[in-house]
Amino acid sequence: MADIDKCRGDGCPIKEKCYRYTAEDGTYQNYFTKAPFDGEKCNMYWGENAEYIFNQLKKITNNGTNQAT
């Protein structure tokens, strides 16, 4: 389940390699209103190792709560 804003990939040639497009939907999934690909690049592209990196960041920040232990 993705805990990120997802992309519908409309008109995006790199959507199949982007985690924001390929991730499984969460229960209450948010989507960009418009695909962020501008015809040349995407500033929101999230590459192949995104899920692993995201999970590591969540662990570092106490599951995303940013609370000190």
N, C-alpha and C. Protein backbone atom coordinates (compact mmCIF):
# COMPACT_ATOMS: atom_id res chain seq x y z
N MET A 1 0.84 -1.17 0.00
CA MET A 1 0.00 0.00 0.00
C MET A 1 0.89 1.24 0.00
N ALA A 2 0.62 2.16 -0.89
CA ALA A 2 1.44 3.36 -1.03
C ALA A 2 0.97 4.47 -0.10
N ASP A 3 1.91 5.05 0.63
CA ASP A 3 1.62 6.18 1.51
C ASP A 3 2.22 7.43 0.87
N ILE A 4 1.91 7.61 -0.42
CA ILE A 4 2.46 8.73 -1.20
C ILE A 4 1.36 9.27 -2.10
N ASP A 5 1.59 10.45 -2.66
CA ASP A 5 0.71 10.94 -3.72
C ASP A 5 1.09 10.20 -4.99
N LYS A 6 0.10 9.58 -5.61
CA LYS A 6 0.36 8.82 -6.82
C LYS A 6 0.06 9.64 -8.06
N CYS A 7 0.47 9.11 -9.20
CA CYS A 7 0.28 9.76 -10.49
C CYS A 7 -0.50 8.82 -11.40
N ARG A 8 -1.43 9.36 -12.16
CA ARG A 8 -2.18 8.53 -13.11
C ARG A 8 -1.38 8.29 -14.39
N GLY A 9 -0.31 9.04 -14.61
CA GLY A 9 0.59 8.81 -15.74
C GLY A 9 0.10 9.29 -17.09
N ASP A 10 -0.93 10.11 -17.12
CA ASP A 10 -1.47 10.59 -18.40
C ASP A 10 -0.40 11.29 -19.24
N GLY A 11 -0.09 10.72 -20.39
CA GLY A 11 0.87 11.31 -21.32
C GLY A 11 2.33 11.18 -20.90
N CYS A 12 2.61 10.40 -19.90
CA CYS A 12 3.98 10.28 -19.39
C CYS A 12 4.67 9.06 -19.99
N PRO A 13 5.80 9.25 -20.67
CA PRO A 13 6.51 8.12 -21.28
C PRO A 13 7.33 7.29 -20.30
N ILE A 14 7.53 7.77 -19.07
CA ILE A 14 8.35 7.04 -18.10
C ILE A 14 7.52 6.46 -16.95
N LYS A 15 6.20 6.47 -17.09
CA LYS A 15 5.33 6.04 -15.99
C LYS A 15 5.56 4.60 -15.55
N GLU A 16 5.89 3.71 -16.45
CA GLU A 16 6.08 2.30 -16.11
C GLU A 16 7.29 2.06 -15.22
N LYS A 17 8.19 3.03 -15.12
CA LYS A 17 9.38 2.92 -14.28
C LYS A 17 9.28 3.80 -13.04
N CYS A 18 8.13 4.41 -12.84
CA CYS A 18 7.96 5.34 -11.72
C CYS A 18 7.08 4.73 -10.64
N TYR A 19 7.57 4.76 -9.41
CA TYR A 19 6.84 4.20 -8.28
C TYR A 19 5.52 4.93 -8.04
N ARG A 20 5.46 6.21 -8.36
CA ARG A 20 4.23 6.97 -8.16
C ARG A 20 3.11 6.46 -9.08
N TYR A 21 3.46 5.76 -10.13
CA TYR A 21 2.46 5.17 -11.03
C TYR A 21 2.24 3.68 -10.74
N THR A 22 3.31 2.96 -10.44
CA THR A 22 3.22 1.50 -10.32
C THR A 22 2.85 0.99 -8.93
N ALA A 23 2.97 1.82 -7.90
CA ALA A 23 2.69 1.37 -6.53
C ALA A 23 1.22 0.98 -6.37
N GLU A 24 0.98 0.02 -5.51
CA GLU A 24 -0.38 -0.41 -5.19
C GLU A 24 -1.10 0.71 -4.45
N ASP A 25 -2.36 0.92 -4.77
CA ASP A 25 -3.15 1.96 -4.11
C ASP A 25 -3.37 1.65 -2.65
N GLY A 26 -3.38 2.71 -1.83
CA GLY A 26 -3.75 2.59 -0.44
C GLY A 26 -5.26 2.68 -0.30
N THR A 27 -5.76 2.57 0.92
CA THR A 27 -7.19 2.64 1.17
C THR A 27 -7.76 3.99 0.76
N TYR A 28 -7.11 5.05 1.16
CA TYR A 28 -7.53 6.41 0.81
C TYR A 28 -6.40 7.05 0.01
N GLN A 29 -6.29 6.69 -1.25
CA GLN A 29 -5.15 7.09 -2.06
C GLN A 29 -5.32 8.49 -2.65
N ASN A 30 -4.27 9.30 -2.51
CA ASN A 30 -4.23 10.62 -3.13
C ASN A 30 -3.52 10.53 -4.47
N TYR A 31 -3.98 11.32 -5.42
CA TYR A 31 -3.37 11.40 -6.75
C TYR A 31 -3.10 12.86 -7.10
N PHE A 32 -2.06 13.09 -7.91
CA PHE A 32 -1.86 14.41 -8.47
C PHE A 32 -3.07 14.73 -9.35
N THR A 33 -3.49 15.98 -9.39
CA THR A 33 -4.62 16.33 -10.26
C THR A 33 -4.21 16.31 -11.72
N LYS A 34 -2.93 16.53 -11.98
CA LYS A 34 -2.39 16.51 -13.34
C LYS A 34 -1.03 15.82 -13.28
N ALA A 35 -0.73 15.00 -14.27
CA ALA A 35 0.58 14.35 -14.30
C ALA A 35 1.67 15.41 -14.30
N PRO A 36 2.67 15.30 -13.44
CA PRO A 36 3.70 16.33 -13.33
C PRO A 36 4.74 16.32 -14.46
N PHE A 37 4.63 15.41 -15.42
CA PHE A 37 5.56 15.38 -16.56
C PHE A 37 5.27 16.58 -17.45
N ASP A 38 6.29 17.40 -17.71
CA ASP A 38 6.08 18.64 -18.47
C ASP A 38 6.46 18.55 -19.94
N GLY A 39 6.66 17.35 -20.44
CA GLY A 39 7.04 17.18 -21.84
C GLY A 39 8.53 16.91 -22.00
N GLU A 40 9.31 17.26 -20.99
CA GLU A 40 10.75 17.04 -21.01
C GLU A 40 11.23 16.24 -19.81
N LYS A 41 10.67 16.52 -18.64
CA LYS A 41 11.10 15.85 -17.42
C LYS A 41 9.96 15.84 -16.40
N CYS A 42 10.17 15.09 -15.34
CA CYS A 42 9.20 15.03 -14.25
C CYS A 42 9.93 15.29 -12.94
N ASN A 43 9.56 16.34 -12.27
CA ASN A 43 10.19 16.67 -10.99
C ASN A 43 9.72 15.77 -9.86
N MET A 44 8.69 14.96 -10.10
CA MET A 44 8.16 14.08 -9.08
C MET A 44 8.49 12.61 -9.35
N TYR A 45 9.32 12.33 -10.32
CA TYR A 45 9.70 10.96 -10.68
C TYR A 45 10.29 10.26 -9.47
N TRP A 46 9.85 9.04 -9.24
CA TRP A 46 10.34 8.24 -8.12
C TRP A 46 10.79 6.91 -8.69
N GLY A 47 12.09 6.71 -8.81
CA GLY A 47 12.69 5.57 -9.49
C GLY A 47 12.50 4.21 -8.83
N GLU A 48 13.20 3.23 -9.35
CA GLU A 48 12.99 1.82 -9.02
C GLU A 48 13.20 1.45 -7.56
N ASN A 49 14.11 2.06 -6.85
CA ASN A 49 14.37 1.71 -5.45
C ASN A 49 13.54 2.54 -4.48
N ALA A 50 12.55 3.22 -4.97
CA ALA A 50 11.79 4.16 -4.16
C ALA A 50 11.14 3.52 -2.94
N GLU A 51 10.51 2.38 -3.08
CA GLU A 51 9.82 1.77 -1.95
C GLU A 51 10.81 1.41 -0.84
N TYR A 52 11.95 0.84 -1.19
CA TYR A 52 12.96 0.49 -0.20
C TYR A 52 13.45 1.75 0.52
N ILE A 53 13.78 2.80 -0.24
CA ILE A 53 14.27 4.05 0.35
C ILE A 53 13.20 4.67 1.24
N PHE A 54 11.97 4.69 0.76
CA PHE A 54 10.87 5.27 1.54
C PHE A 54 10.70 4.53 2.86
N ASN A 55 10.75 3.21 2.84
CA ASN A 55 10.61 2.43 4.07
C ASN A 55 11.76 2.67 5.03
N GLN A 56 12.96 2.85 4.50
CA GLN A 56 14.11 3.15 5.35
C GLN A 56 13.94 4.52 6.01
N LEU A 57 13.46 5.49 5.26
CA LEU A 57 13.23 6.83 5.82
C LEU A 57 12.15 6.79 6.91
N LYS A 58 11.12 5.99 6.70
CA LYS A 58 10.09 5.85 7.73
C LYS A 58 10.66 5.26 9.01
N LYS A 59 11.56 4.27 8.88
CA LYS A 59 12.19 3.68 10.06
C LYS A 59 13.04 4.72 10.79
N ILE A 60 13.78 5.49 10.03
CA ILE A 60 14.66 6.51 10.63
C ILE A 60 13.85 7.54 11.39
N THR A 61 12.69 7.89 10.86
CA THR A 61 11.87 8.93 11.50
C THR A 61 10.76 8.31 12.36
N ASN A 62 10.99 7.12 12.88
CA ASN A 62 10.01 6.45 13.76
C ASN A 62 8.66 6.29 13.05
N ASN A 63 8.70 5.66 11.89
CA ASN A 63 7.50 5.40 11.09
C ASN A 63 6.79 6.66 10.65
N GLY A 64 7.56 7.69 10.38
CA GLY A 64 6.99 8.90 9.83
C GLY A 64 6.42 9.86 10.86
N THR A 65 6.57 9.57 12.16
CA THR A 65 5.97 10.42 13.18
C THR A 65 6.90 11.55 13.60
N ASN A 66 8.20 11.44 13.28
CA ASN A 66 9.19 12.45 13.64
C ASN A 66 9.27 12.69 15.13
N GLN A 67 8.91 11.72 15.95
CA GLN A 67 8.98 11.85 17.38
C GLN A 67 10.29 11.29 17.90
N ALA A 68 10.90 11.98 18.81
CA ALA A 68 12.15 11.50 19.39
C ALA A 68 11.86 10.31 20.31
N THR A 69 12.83 9.39 20.38
CA THR A 69 12.65 8.22 21.25
C THR A 69 13.37 8.41 22.55
